[in-house]
mmCIF file of all heavy atoms, coordinates in Angstrom:
data_MODEL
# 
_entry.id   MODEL 
# 
loop_
_atom_site.group_PDB 
_atom_site.id 
_atom_site.type_symbol 
_atom_site.label_atom_id 
_atom_site.label_alt_id 
_atom_site.label_comp_id 
_atom_site.label_asym_id 
_atom_site.label_entity_id 
_atom_site.label_seq_id 
_atom_site.pdbx_PDB_ins_code 
_atom_site.Cartn_x 
_atom_site.Cartn_y 
_atom_site.Cartn_z 
_atom_site.occupancy 
_atom_site.B_iso_or_equiv 
_atom_site.pdbx_formal_charge 
_atom_site.auth_seq_id 
_atom_site.auth_comp_id 
_atom_site.auth_asym_id 
_atom_site.auth_atom_id 
_atom_site.pdbx_PDB_model_num 
ATOM 1   N N   . ILE A 1 1  ? 0.831   -1.206  0.000   1.00 0.00 ? 1  ILE A N   1 
ATOM 2   C CA  . ILE A 1 1  ? 0.000   0.000   0.000   1.00 0.00 ? 1  ILE A CA  1 
ATOM 3   C C   . ILE A 1 1  ? 0.866   1.256   0.000   1.00 0.00 ? 1  ILE A C   1 
ATOM 4   O O   . ILE A 1 1  ? 0.689   2.166   -0.814  1.00 0.00 ? 1  ILE A O   1 
ATOM 5   C CB  . ILE A 1 1  ? -0.928  0.002   1.235   1.00 0.00 ? 1  ILE A CB  1 
ATOM 6   C CG1 . ILE A 1 1  ? -1.897  -1.178  1.178   1.00 0.00 ? 1  ILE A CG1 1 
ATOM 7   C CG2 . ILE A 1 1  ? -1.699  1.314   1.340   1.00 0.00 ? 1  ILE A CG2 1 
ATOM 8   C CD1 . ILE A 1 1  ? -2.488  -1.553  2.529   1.00 0.00 ? 1  ILE A CD1 1 
ATOM 9   N N   . MET A 1 2  ? 1.820   1.309   0.921   1.00 0.00 ? 2  MET A N   1 
ATOM 10  C CA  . MET A 1 2  ? 2.578   2.550   1.125   1.00 0.00 ? 2  MET A CA  1 
ATOM 11  C C   . MET A 1 2  ? 3.612   2.820   0.048   1.00 0.00 ? 2  MET A C   1 
ATOM 12  O O   . MET A 1 2  ? 4.016   3.959   -0.156  1.00 0.00 ? 2  MET A O   1 
ATOM 13  C CB  . MET A 1 2  ? 3.246   2.527   2.495   1.00 0.00 ? 2  MET A CB  1 
ATOM 14  C CG  . MET A 1 2  ? 2.253   2.628   3.634   1.00 0.00 ? 2  MET A CG  1 
ATOM 15  S SD  . MET A 1 2  ? 3.039   3.070   5.196   1.00 0.00 ? 2  MET A SD  1 
ATOM 16  C CE  . MET A 1 2  ? 4.047   1.644   5.485   1.00 0.00 ? 2  MET A CE  1 
ATOM 17  N N   . ALA A 1 3  ? 4.049   1.789   -0.652  1.00 0.00 ? 3  ALA A N   1 
ATOM 18  C CA  . ALA A 1 3  ? 5.092   1.980   -1.667  1.00 0.00 ? 3  ALA A CA  1 
ATOM 19  C C   . ALA A 1 3  ? 4.528   2.520   -2.977  1.00 0.00 ? 3  ALA A C   1 
ATOM 20  O O   . ALA A 1 3  ? 5.230   3.206   -3.715  1.00 0.00 ? 3  ALA A O   1 
ATOM 21  C CB  . ALA A 1 3  ? 5.824   0.671   -1.927  1.00 0.00 ? 3  ALA A CB  1 
ATOM 22  N N   . HIS A 1 4  ? 3.258   2.203   -3.291  1.00 0.00 ? 4  HIS A N   1 
ATOM 23  C CA  . HIS A 1 4  ? 2.747   2.488   -4.628  1.00 0.00 ? 4  HIS A CA  1 
ATOM 24  C C   . HIS A 1 4  ? 1.515   3.380   -4.702  1.00 0.00 ? 4  HIS A C   1 
ATOM 25  O O   . HIS A 1 4  ? 1.283   4.009   -5.733  1.00 0.00 ? 4  HIS A O   1 
ATOM 26  C CB  . HIS A 1 4  ? 2.393   1.172   -5.333  1.00 0.00 ? 4  HIS A CB  1 
ATOM 27  C CG  . HIS A 1 4  ? 3.502   0.186   -5.415  1.00 0.00 ? 4  HIS A CG  1 
ATOM 28  N ND1 . HIS A 1 4  ? 4.768   0.525   -5.847  1.00 0.00 ? 4  HIS A ND1 1 
ATOM 29  C CD2 . HIS A 1 4  ? 3.557   -1.150  -5.127  1.00 0.00 ? 4  HIS A CD2 1 
ATOM 30  C CE1 . HIS A 1 4  ? 5.546   -0.547  -5.831  1.00 0.00 ? 4  HIS A CE1 1 
ATOM 31  N NE2 . HIS A 1 4  ? 4.834   -1.574  -5.389  1.00 0.00 ? 4  HIS A NE2 1 
ATOM 32  N N   . SER A 1 5  ? 0.710   3.440   -3.670  1.00 0.00 ? 5  SER A N   1 
ATOM 33  C CA  . SER A 1 5  ? -0.617  4.041   -3.785  1.00 0.00 ? 5  SER A CA  1 
ATOM 34  C C   . SER A 1 5  ? -0.565  5.561   -3.820  1.00 0.00 ? 5  SER A C   1 
ATOM 35  O O   . SER A 1 5  ? 0.465   6.173   -3.552  1.00 0.00 ? 5  SER A O   1 
ATOM 36  C CB  . SER A 1 5  ? -1.504  3.541   -2.645  1.00 0.00 ? 5  SER A CB  1 
ATOM 37  O OG  . SER A 1 5  ? -1.584  2.133   -2.679  1.00 0.00 ? 5  SER A OG  1 
ATOM 38  N N   . ASP A 1 6  ? -1.701  6.184   -4.162  1.00 0.00 ? 6  ASP A N   1 
ATOM 39  C CA  . ASP A 1 6  ? -1.749  7.638   -4.320  1.00 0.00 ? 6  ASP A CA  1 
ATOM 40  C C   . ASP A 1 6  ? -3.043  8.180   -3.729  1.00 0.00 ? 6  ASP A C   1 
ATOM 41  O O   . ASP A 1 6  ? -3.785  7.458   -3.062  1.00 0.00 ? 6  ASP A O   1 
ATOM 42  C CB  . ASP A 1 6  ? -1.587  8.026   -5.797  1.00 0.00 ? 6  ASP A CB  1 
ATOM 43  C CG  . ASP A 1 6  ? -2.681  7.429   -6.693  1.00 0.00 ? 6  ASP A CG  1 
ATOM 44  O OD1 . ASP A 1 6  ? -3.793  7.167   -6.191  1.00 0.00 ? 6  ASP A OD1 1 
ATOM 45  O OD2 . ASP A 1 6  ? -2.428  7.239   -7.904  1.00 0.00 ? 6  ASP A OD2 1 
ATOM 46  N N   . ASN A 1 7  ? -3.328  9.441   -3.995  1.00 0.00 ? 7  ASN A N   1 
ATOM 47  C CA  . ASN A 1 7  ? -4.502  10.069  -3.389  1.00 0.00 ? 7  ASN A CA  1 
ATOM 48  C C   . ASN A 1 7  ? -5.822  9.581   -3.973  1.00 0.00 ? 7  ASN A C   1 
ATOM 49  O O   . ASN A 1 7  ? -6.895  9.870   -3.416  1.00 0.00 ? 7  ASN A O   1 
ATOM 50  C CB  . ASN A 1 7  ? -4.412  11.593  -3.519  1.00 0.00 ? 7  ASN A CB  1 
ATOM 51  C CG  . ASN A 1 7  ? -3.385  12.179  -2.559  1.00 0.00 ? 7  ASN A CG  1 
ATOM 52  O OD1 . ASN A 1 7  ? -3.134  11.631  -1.492  1.00 0.00 ? 7  ASN A OD1 1 
ATOM 53  N ND2 . ASN A 1 7  ? -2.772  13.284  -2.943  1.00 0.00 ? 7  ASN A ND2 1 
ATOM 54  N N   . ASN A 1 8  ? -5.774  8.852   -5.072  1.00 0.00 ? 8  ASN A N   1 
ATOM 55  C CA  . ASN A 1 8  ? -6.989  8.261   -5.630  1.00 0.00 ? 8  ASN A CA  1 
ATOM 56  C C   . ASN A 1 8  ? -7.265  6.872   -5.054  1.00 0.00 ? 8  ASN A C   1 
ATOM 57  O O   . ASN A 1 8  ? -8.329  6.313   -5.292  1.00 0.00 ? 8  ASN A O   1 
ATOM 58  C CB  . ASN A 1 8  ? -6.894  8.157   -7.152  1.00 0.00 ? 8  ASN A CB  1 
ATOM 59  C CG  . ASN A 1 8  ? -6.867  9.521   -7.805  1.00 0.00 ? 8  ASN A CG  1 
ATOM 60  O OD1 . ASN A 1 8  ? -7.652  10.390  -7.457  1.00 0.00 ? 8  ASN A OD1 1 
ATOM 61  N ND2 . ASN A 1 8  ? -5.950  9.724   -8.732  1.00 0.00 ? 8  ASN A ND2 1 
ATOM 62  N N   . GLY A 1 9  ? -6.280  6.309   -4.351  1.00 0.00 ? 9  GLY A N   1 
ATOM 63  C CA  . GLY A 1 9  ? -6.477  4.993   -3.755  1.00 0.00 ? 9  GLY A CA  1 
ATOM 64  C C   . GLY A 1 9  ? -5.300  4.064   -3.973  1.00 0.00 ? 9  GLY A C   1 
ATOM 65  O O   . GLY A 1 9  ? -4.159  4.502   -4.165  1.00 0.00 ? 9  GLY A O   1 
ATOM 66  N N   . LEU A 1 10 ? -5.590  2.777   -3.963  1.00 0.00 ? 10 LEU A N   1 
ATOM 67  C CA  . LEU A 1 10 ? -4.557  1.763   -4.152  1.00 0.00 ? 10 LEU A CA  1 
ATOM 68  C C   . LEU A 1 10 ? -4.013  1.799   -5.575  1.00 0.00 ? 10 LEU A C   1 
ATOM 69  O O   . LEU A 1 10 ? -4.735  2.119   -6.518  1.00 0.00 ? 10 LEU A O   1 
ATOM 70  C CB  . LEU A 1 10 ? -5.132  0.361   -3.912  1.00 0.00 ? 10 LEU A CB  1 
ATOM 71  C CG  . LEU A 1 10 ? -5.650  0.009   -2.527  1.00 0.00 ? 10 LEU A CG  1 
ATOM 72  C CD1 . LEU A 1 10 ? -6.281  -1.374  -2.550  1.00 0.00 ? 10 LEU A CD1 1 
ATOM 73  C CD2 . LEU A 1 10 ? -4.535  0.064   -1.511  1.00 0.00 ? 10 LEU A CD2 1 
ATOM 74  N N   . VAL A 1 11 ? -2.741  1.451   -5.699  1.00 0.00 ? 11 VAL A N   1 
ATOM 75  C CA  . VAL A 1 11 ? -2.151  1.125   -7.003  1.00 0.00 ? 11 VAL A CA  1 
ATOM 76  C C   . VAL A 1 11 ? -1.557  -0.271  -6.830  1.00 0.00 ? 11 VAL A C   1 
ATOM 77  O O   . VAL A 1 11 ? -0.567  -0.435  -6.116  1.00 0.00 ? 11 VAL A O   1 
ATOM 78  C CB  . VAL A 1 11 ? -1.068  2.139   -7.423  1.00 0.00 ? 11 VAL A CB  1 
ATOM 79  C CG1 . VAL A 1 11 ? -0.408  1.696   -8.721  1.00 0.00 ? 11 VAL A CG1 1 
ATOM 80  C CG2 . VAL A 1 11 ? -1.663  3.533   -7.573  1.00 0.00 ? 11 VAL A CG2 1 
ATOM 81  N N   . LEU A 1 12 ? -2.185  -1.260  -7.439  1.00 0.00 ? 12 LEU A N   1 
ATOM 82  C CA  . LEU A 1 12 ? -1.750  -2.644  -7.247  1.00 0.00 ? 12 LEU A CA  1 
ATOM 83  C C   . LEU A 1 12 ? -0.983  -3.156  -8.455  1.00 0.00 ? 12 LEU A C   1 
ATOM 84  O O   . LEU A 1 12 ? -1.428  -2.980  -9.597  1.00 0.00 ? 12 LEU A O   1 
ATOM 85  C CB  . LEU A 1 12 ? -2.970  -3.556  -7.017  1.00 0.00 ? 12 LEU A CB  1 
ATOM 86  C CG  . LEU A 1 12 ? -3.771  -3.314  -5.743  1.00 0.00 ? 12 LEU A CG  1 
ATOM 87  C CD1 . LEU A 1 12 ? -4.968  -4.262  -5.699  1.00 0.00 ? 12 LEU A CD1 1 
ATOM 88  C CD2 . LEU A 1 12 ? -2.909  -3.488  -4.500  1.00 0.00 ? 12 LEU A CD2 1 
ATOM 89  N N   . PRO A 1 13 ? 0.157   -3.807  -8.233  1.00 0.00 ? 13 PRO A N   1 
ATOM 90  C CA  . PRO A 1 13 ? 0.833   -4.496  -9.336  1.00 0.00 ? 13 PRO A CA  1 
ATOM 91  C C   . PRO A 1 13 ? -0.102  -5.574  -9.888  1.00 0.00 ? 13 PRO A C   1 
ATOM 92  O O   . PRO A 1 13 ? -0.743  -6.296  -9.102  1.00 0.00 ? 13 PRO A O   1 
ATOM 93  C CB  . PRO A 1 13 ? 2.068   -5.124  -8.679  1.00 0.00 ? 13 PRO A CB  1 
ATOM 94  C CG  . PRO A 1 13 ? 2.218   -4.430  -7.369  1.00 0.00 ? 13 PRO A CG  1 
ATOM 95  C CD  . PRO A 1 13 ? 0.867   -3.991  -6.952  1.00 0.00 ? 13 PRO A CD  1 
ATOM 96  N N   . PRO A 1 14 ? -0.221  -5.698  -11.201 1.00 0.00 ? 14 PRO A N   1 
ATOM 97  C CA  . PRO A 1 14 ? -1.159  -6.680  -11.774 1.00 0.00 ? 14 PRO A CA  1 
ATOM 98  C C   . PRO A 1 14 ? -1.009  -8.095  -11.226 1.00 0.00 ? 14 PRO A C   1 
ATOM 99  O O   . PRO A 1 14 ? -1.998  -8.807  -11.075 1.00 0.00 ? 14 PRO A O   1 
ATOM 100 C CB  . PRO A 1 14 ? -0.837  -6.612  -13.268 1.00 0.00 ? 14 PRO A CB  1 
ATOM 101 C CG  . PRO A 1 14 ? -0.367  -5.210  -13.480 1.00 0.00 ? 14 PRO A CG  1 
ATOM 102 C CD  . PRO A 1 14 ? 0.399   -4.863  -12.237 1.00 0.00 ? 14 PRO A CD  1 
ATOM 103 N N   . LYS A 1 15 ? 0.219   -8.503  -10.905 1.00 0.00 ? 15 LYS A N   1 
ATOM 104 C CA  . LYS A 1 15 ? 0.428   -9.878  -10.432 1.00 0.00 ? 15 LYS A CA  1 
ATOM 105 C C   . LYS A 1 15 ? -0.261  -10.158 -9.100  1.00 0.00 ? 15 LYS A C   1 
ATOM 106 O O   . LYS A 1 15 ? -0.510  -11.319 -8.757  1.00 0.00 ? 15 LYS A O   1 
ATOM 107 C CB  . LYS A 1 15 ? 1.923   -10.182 -10.311 1.00 0.00 ? 15 LYS A CB  1 
ATOM 108 C CG  . LYS A 1 15 ? 2.624   -10.379 -11.646 1.00 0.00 ? 15 LYS A CG  1 
ATOM 109 C CD  . LYS A 1 15 ? 4.064   -10.815 -11.428 1.00 0.00 ? 15 LYS A CD  1 
ATOM 110 C CE  . LYS A 1 15 ? 4.776   -11.084 -12.746 1.00 0.00 ? 15 LYS A CE  1 
ATOM 111 N NZ  . LYS A 1 15 ? 6.152   -11.574 -12.534 1.00 0.00 ? 15 LYS A NZ  1 
ATOM 112 N N   . LEU A 1 16 ? -0.565  -9.109  -8.330  1.00 0.00 ? 16 LEU A N   1 
ATOM 113 C CA  . LEU A 1 16 ? -1.189  -9.305  -7.023  1.00 0.00 ? 16 LEU A CA  1 
ATOM 114 C C   . LEU A 1 16 ? -2.603  -8.735  -6.951  1.00 0.00 ? 16 LEU A C   1 
ATOM 115 O O   . LEU A 1 16 ? -3.232  -8.781  -5.889  1.00 0.00 ? 16 LEU A O   1 
ATOM 116 C CB  . LEU A 1 16 ? -0.327  -8.673  -5.920  1.00 0.00 ? 16 LEU A CB  1 
ATOM 117 C CG  . LEU A 1 16 ? 1.050   -9.305  -5.699  1.00 0.00 ? 16 LEU A CG  1 
ATOM 118 C CD1 . LEU A 1 16 ? 1.817   -8.568  -4.612  1.00 0.00 ? 16 LEU A CD1 1 
ATOM 119 C CD2 . LEU A 1 16 ? 0.937   -10.783 -5.351  1.00 0.00 ? 16 LEU A CD2 1 
ATOM 120 N N   . ALA A 1 17 ? -3.106  -8.210  -8.046  1.00 0.00 ? 17 ALA A N   1 
ATOM 121 C CA  . ALA A 1 17 ? -4.437  -7.609  -8.044  1.00 0.00 ? 17 ALA A CA  1 
ATOM 122 C C   . ALA A 1 17 ? -5.512  -8.694  -8.089  1.00 0.00 ? 17 ALA A C   1 
ATOM 123 O O   . ALA A 1 17 ? -5.497  -9.529  -8.998  1.00 0.00 ? 17 ALA A O   1 
ATOM 124 C CB  . ALA A 1 17 ? -4.593  -6.666  -9.230  1.00 0.00 ? 17 ALA A CB  1 
ATOM 125 N N   . PRO A 1 18 ? -6.456  -8.721  -7.141  1.00 0.00 ? 18 PRO A N   1 
ATOM 126 C CA  . PRO A 1 18 ? -7.544  -9.710  -7.191  1.00 0.00 ? 18 PRO A CA  1 
ATOM 127 C C   . PRO A 1 18 ? -8.379  -9.586  -8.457  1.00 0.00 ? 18 PRO A C   1 
ATOM 128 O O   . PRO A 1 18 ? -8.825  -10.585 -9.017  1.00 0.00 ? 18 PRO A O   1 
ATOM 129 C CB  . PRO A 1 18 ? -8.377  -9.378  -5.947  1.00 0.00 ? 18 PRO A CB  1 
ATOM 130 C CG  . PRO A 1 18 ? -7.442  -8.674  -5.022  1.00 0.00 ? 18 PRO A CG  1 
ATOM 131 C CD  . PRO A 1 18 ? -6.522  -7.900  -5.916  1.00 0.00 ? 18 PRO A CD  1 
ATOM 132 N N   . ILE A 1 19 ? -8.641  -8.343  -8.892  1.00 0.00 ? 19 ILE A N   1 
ATOM 133 C CA  . ILE A 1 19 ? -9.314  -8.075  -10.164 1.00 0.00 ? 19 ILE A CA  1 
ATOM 134 C C   . ILE A 1 19 ? -8.298  -7.341  -11.037 1.00 0.00 ? 19 ILE A C   1 
ATOM 135 O O   . ILE A 1 19 ? -7.854  -6.248  -10.689 1.00 0.00 ? 19 ILE A O   1 
ATOM 136 C CB  . ILE A 1 19 ? -10.560 -7.188  -9.973  1.00 0.00 ? 19 ILE A CB  1 
ATOM 137 C CG1 . ILE A 1 19 ? -11.521 -7.788  -8.959  1.00 0.00 ? 19 ILE A CG1 1 
ATOM 138 C CG2 . ILE A 1 19 ? -11.259 -6.940  -11.312 1.00 0.00 ? 19 ILE A CG2 1 
ATOM 139 C CD1 . ILE A 1 19 ? -12.583 -6.809  -8.465  1.00 0.00 ? 19 ILE A CD1 1 
ATOM 140 N N   . GLN A 1 20 ? -7.917  -7.941  -12.144 1.00 0.00 ? 20 GLN A N   1 
ATOM 141 C CA  . GLN A 1 20 ? -6.932  -7.288  -13.016 1.00 0.00 ? 20 GLN A CA  1 
ATOM 142 C C   . GLN A 1 20 ? -7.589  -6.371  -14.044 1.00 0.00 ? 20 GLN A C   1 
ATOM 143 O O   . GLN A 1 20 ? -7.014  -5.364  -14.437 1.00 0.00 ? 20 GLN A O   1 
ATOM 144 C CB  . GLN A 1 20 ? -6.076  -8.350  -13.713 1.00 0.00 ? 20 GLN A CB  1 
ATOM 145 C CG  . GLN A 1 20 ? -5.184  -9.113  -12.741 1.00 0.00 ? 20 GLN A CG  1 
ATOM 146 C CD  . GLN A 1 20 ? -4.486  -10.287 -13.403 1.00 0.00 ? 20 GLN A CD  1 
ATOM 147 O OE1 . GLN A 1 20 ? -5.129  -11.092 -14.082 1.00 0.00 ? 20 GLN A OE1 1 
ATOM 148 N NE2 . GLN A 1 20 ? -3.184  -10.390 -13.213 1.00 0.00 ? 20 GLN A NE2 1 
ATOM 149 N N   . VAL A 1 21 ? -8.793  -6.738  -14.472 1.00 0.00 ? 21 VAL A N   1 
ATOM 150 C CA  . VAL A 1 21 ? -9.530  -5.933  -15.453 1.00 0.00 ? 21 VAL A CA  1 
ATOM 151 C C   . VAL A 1 21 ? -10.985 -5.836  -15.014 1.00 0.00 ? 21 VAL A C   1 
ATOM 152 O O   . VAL A 1 21 ? -11.605 -6.850  -14.697 1.00 0.00 ? 21 VAL A O   1 
ATOM 153 C CB  . VAL A 1 21 ? -9.487  -6.565  -16.871 1.00 0.00 ? 21 VAL A CB  1 
ATOM 154 C CG1 . VAL A 1 21 ? -10.120 -5.619  -17.895 1.00 0.00 ? 21 VAL A CG1 1 
ATOM 155 C CG2 . VAL A 1 21 ? -8.068  -6.929  -17.283 1.00 0.00 ? 21 VAL A CG2 1 
ATOM 156 N N   . VAL A 1 22 ? -11.521 -4.612  -14.979 1.00 0.00 ? 22 VAL A N   1 
ATOM 157 C CA  . VAL A 1 22 ? -12.946 -4.436  -14.737 1.00 0.00 ? 22 VAL A CA  1 
ATOM 158 C C   . VAL A 1 22 ? -13.585 -3.848  -15.989 1.00 0.00 ? 22 VAL A C   1 
ATOM 159 O O   . VAL A 1 22 ? -13.015 -2.974  -16.640 1.00 0.00 ? 22 VAL A O   1 
ATOM 160 C CB  . VAL A 1 22 ? -13.206 -3.541  -13.500 1.00 0.00 ? 22 VAL A CB  1 
ATOM 161 C CG1 . VAL A 1 22 ? -12.680 -2.119  -13.702 1.00 0.00 ? 22 VAL A CG1 1 
ATOM 162 C CG2 . VAL A 1 22 ? -14.683 -3.533  -13.148 1.00 0.00 ? 22 VAL A CG2 1 
ATOM 163 N N   . LEU A 1 23 ? -14.754 -4.382  -16.348 1.00 0.00 ? 23 LEU A N   1 
ATOM 164 C CA  . LEU A 1 23 ? -15.483 -3.906  -17.522 1.00 0.00 ? 23 LEU A CA  1 
ATOM 165 C C   . LEU A 1 23 ? -16.778 -3.257  -17.057 1.00 0.00 ? 23 LEU A C   1 
ATOM 166 O O   . LEU A 1 23 ? -17.540 -3.859  -16.281 1.00 0.00 ? 23 LEU A O   1 
ATOM 167 C CB  . LEU A 1 23 ? -15.798 -5.059  -18.475 1.00 0.00 ? 23 LEU A CB  1 
ATOM 168 C CG  . LEU A 1 23 ? -14.584 -5.748  -19.110 1.00 0.00 ? 23 LEU A CG  1 
ATOM 169 C CD1 . LEU A 1 23 ? -14.155 -6.950  -18.310 1.00 0.00 ? 23 LEU A CD1 1 
ATOM 170 C CD2 . LEU A 1 23 ? -14.887 -6.144  -20.543 1.00 0.00 ? 23 LEU A CD2 1 
ATOM 171 N N   . ILE A 1 24 ? -17.041 -2.045  -17.545 1.00 0.00 ? 24 ILE A N   1 
ATOM 172 C CA  . ILE A 1 24 ? -18.196 -1.280  -17.091 1.00 0.00 ? 24 ILE A CA  1 
ATOM 173 C C   . ILE A 1 24 ? -19.043 -0.852  -18.295 1.00 0.00 ? 24 ILE A C   1 
ATOM 174 O O   . ILE A 1 24 ? -18.543 -0.141  -19.183 1.00 0.00 ? 24 ILE A O   1 
ATOM 175 C CB  . ILE A 1 24 ? -17.739 -0.044  -16.288 1.00 0.00 ? 24 ILE A CB  1 
ATOM 176 C CG1 . ILE A 1 24 ? -16.961 -0.499  -15.042 1.00 0.00 ? 24 ILE A CG1 1 
ATOM 177 C CG2 . ILE A 1 24 ? -18.938 0.821   -15.900 1.00 0.00 ? 24 ILE A CG2 1 
ATOM 178 C CD1 . ILE A 1 24 ? -16.297 0.618   -14.276 1.00 0.00 ? 24 ILE A CD1 1 
ATOM 179 N N   . PRO A 1 25 ? -20.304 -1.281  -18.334 1.00 0.00 ? 25 PRO A N   1 
ATOM 180 C CA  . PRO A 1 25 ? -21.191 -0.829  -19.403 1.00 0.00 ? 25 PRO A CA  1 
ATOM 181 C C   . PRO A 1 25 ? -21.737 0.569   -19.107 1.00 0.00 ? 25 PRO A C   1 
ATOM 182 O O   . PRO A 1 25 ? -22.067 0.880   -17.963 1.00 0.00 ? 25 PRO A O   1 
ATOM 183 C CB  . PRO A 1 25 ? -22.311 -1.872  -19.381 1.00 0.00 ? 25 PRO A CB  1 
ATOM 184 C CG  . PRO A 1 25 ? -22.351 -2.367  -17.971 1.00 0.00 ? 25 PRO A CG  1 
ATOM 185 C CD  . PRO A 1 25 ? -20.949 -2.251  -17.438 1.00 0.00 ? 25 PRO A CD  1 
ATOM 186 N N   . ILE A 1 26 ? -21.815 1.421   -20.141 1.00 0.00 ? 26 ILE A N   1 
ATOM 187 C CA  . ILE A 1 26 ? -22.426 2.752   -20.008 1.00 0.00 ? 26 ILE A CA  1 
ATOM 188 C C   . ILE A 1 26 ? -23.648 2.758   -20.913 1.00 0.00 ? 26 ILE A C   1 
ATOM 189 O O   . ILE A 1 26 ? -23.528 2.546   -22.126 1.00 0.00 ? 26 ILE A O   1 
ATOM 190 C CB  . ILE A 1 26 ? -21.423 3.858   -20.398 1.00 0.00 ? 26 ILE A CB  1 
ATOM 191 C CG1 . ILE A 1 26 ? -20.182 3.769   -19.490 1.00 0.00 ? 26 ILE A CG1 1 
ATOM 192 C CG2 . ILE A 1 26 ? -22.072 5.235   -20.290 1.00 0.00 ? 26 ILE A CG2 1 
ATOM 193 C CD1 . ILE A 1 26 ? -19.043 4.666   -19.897 1.00 0.00 ? 26 ILE A CD1 1 
ATOM 194 N N   . TYR A 1 27 ? -24.802 2.994   -20.327 1.00 0.00 ? 27 TYR A N   1 
ATOM 195 C CA  . TYR A 1 27 ? -26.028 2.731   -21.094 1.00 0.00 ? 27 TYR A CA  1 
ATOM 196 C C   . TYR A 1 27 ? -27.182 3.595   -20.601 1.00 0.00 ? 27 TYR A C   1 
ATOM 197 O O   . TYR A 1 27 ? -27.133 4.183   -19.517 1.00 0.00 ? 27 TYR A O   1 
ATOM 198 C CB  . TYR A 1 27 ? -26.422 1.260   -20.928 1.00 0.00 ? 27 TYR A CB  1 
ATOM 199 C CG  . TYR A 1 27 ? -26.694 0.893   -19.488 1.00 0.00 ? 27 TYR A CG  1 
ATOM 200 C CD1 . TYR A 1 27 ? -27.986 0.954   -18.963 1.00 0.00 ? 27 TYR A CD1 1 
ATOM 201 C CD2 . TYR A 1 27 ? -25.642 0.522   -18.631 1.00 0.00 ? 27 TYR A CD2 1 
ATOM 202 C CE1 . TYR A 1 27 ? -28.232 0.651   -17.637 1.00 0.00 ? 27 TYR A CE1 1 
ATOM 203 C CE2 . TYR A 1 27 ? -25.882 0.221   -17.304 1.00 0.00 ? 27 TYR A CE2 1 
ATOM 204 C CZ  . TYR A 1 27 ? -27.172 0.282   -16.807 1.00 0.00 ? 27 TYR A CZ  1 
ATOM 205 O OH  . TYR A 1 27 ? -27.418 0.001   -15.493 1.00 0.00 ? 27 TYR A OH  1 
ATOM 206 N N   . LYS A 1 28 ? -28.230 3.618   -21.432 1.00 0.00 ? 28 LYS A N   1 
ATOM 207 C CA  . LYS A 1 28 ? -29.518 4.187   -21.042 1.00 0.00 ? 28 LYS A CA  1 
ATOM 208 C C   . LYS A 1 28 ? -30.565 3.141   -21.402 1.00 0.00 ? 28 LYS A C   1 
ATOM 209 O O   . LYS A 1 28 ? -30.721 2.804   -22.579 1.00 0.00 ? 28 LYS A O   1 
ATOM 210 C CB  . LYS A 1 28 ? -29.802 5.484   -21.790 1.00 0.00 ? 28 LYS A CB  1 
ATOM 211 C CG  . LYS A 1 28 ? -28.938 6.663   -21.350 1.00 0.00 ? 28 LYS A CG  1 
ATOM 212 C CD  . LYS A 1 28 ? -29.279 7.903   -22.140 1.00 0.00 ? 28 LYS A CD  1 
ATOM 213 C CE  . LYS A 1 28 ? -28.396 9.078   -21.731 1.00 0.00 ? 28 LYS A CE  1 
ATOM 214 N NZ  . LYS A 1 28 ? -28.663 10.278  -22.576 1.00 0.00 ? 28 LYS A NZ  1 
ATOM 215 N N   . GLY A 1 29 ? -31.247 2.631   -20.419 1.00 0.00 ? 29 GLY A N   1 
ATOM 216 C CA  . GLY A 1 29 ? -32.309 1.675   -20.661 1.00 0.00 ? 29 GLY A CA  1 
ATOM 217 C C   . GLY A 1 29 ? -31.832 0.241   -20.732 1.00 0.00 ? 29 GLY A C   1 
ATOM 218 O O   . GLY A 1 29 ? -30.645 -0.047  -20.943 1.00 0.00 ? 29 GLY A O   1 
# 
């Protein structure tokens, strides 16, 4: 946490990230 993170939150190395990619739909209806 303390070596990499910033004011927006955690910065996780991909090898240790529980979720490596999140997909978000943007829609109406």
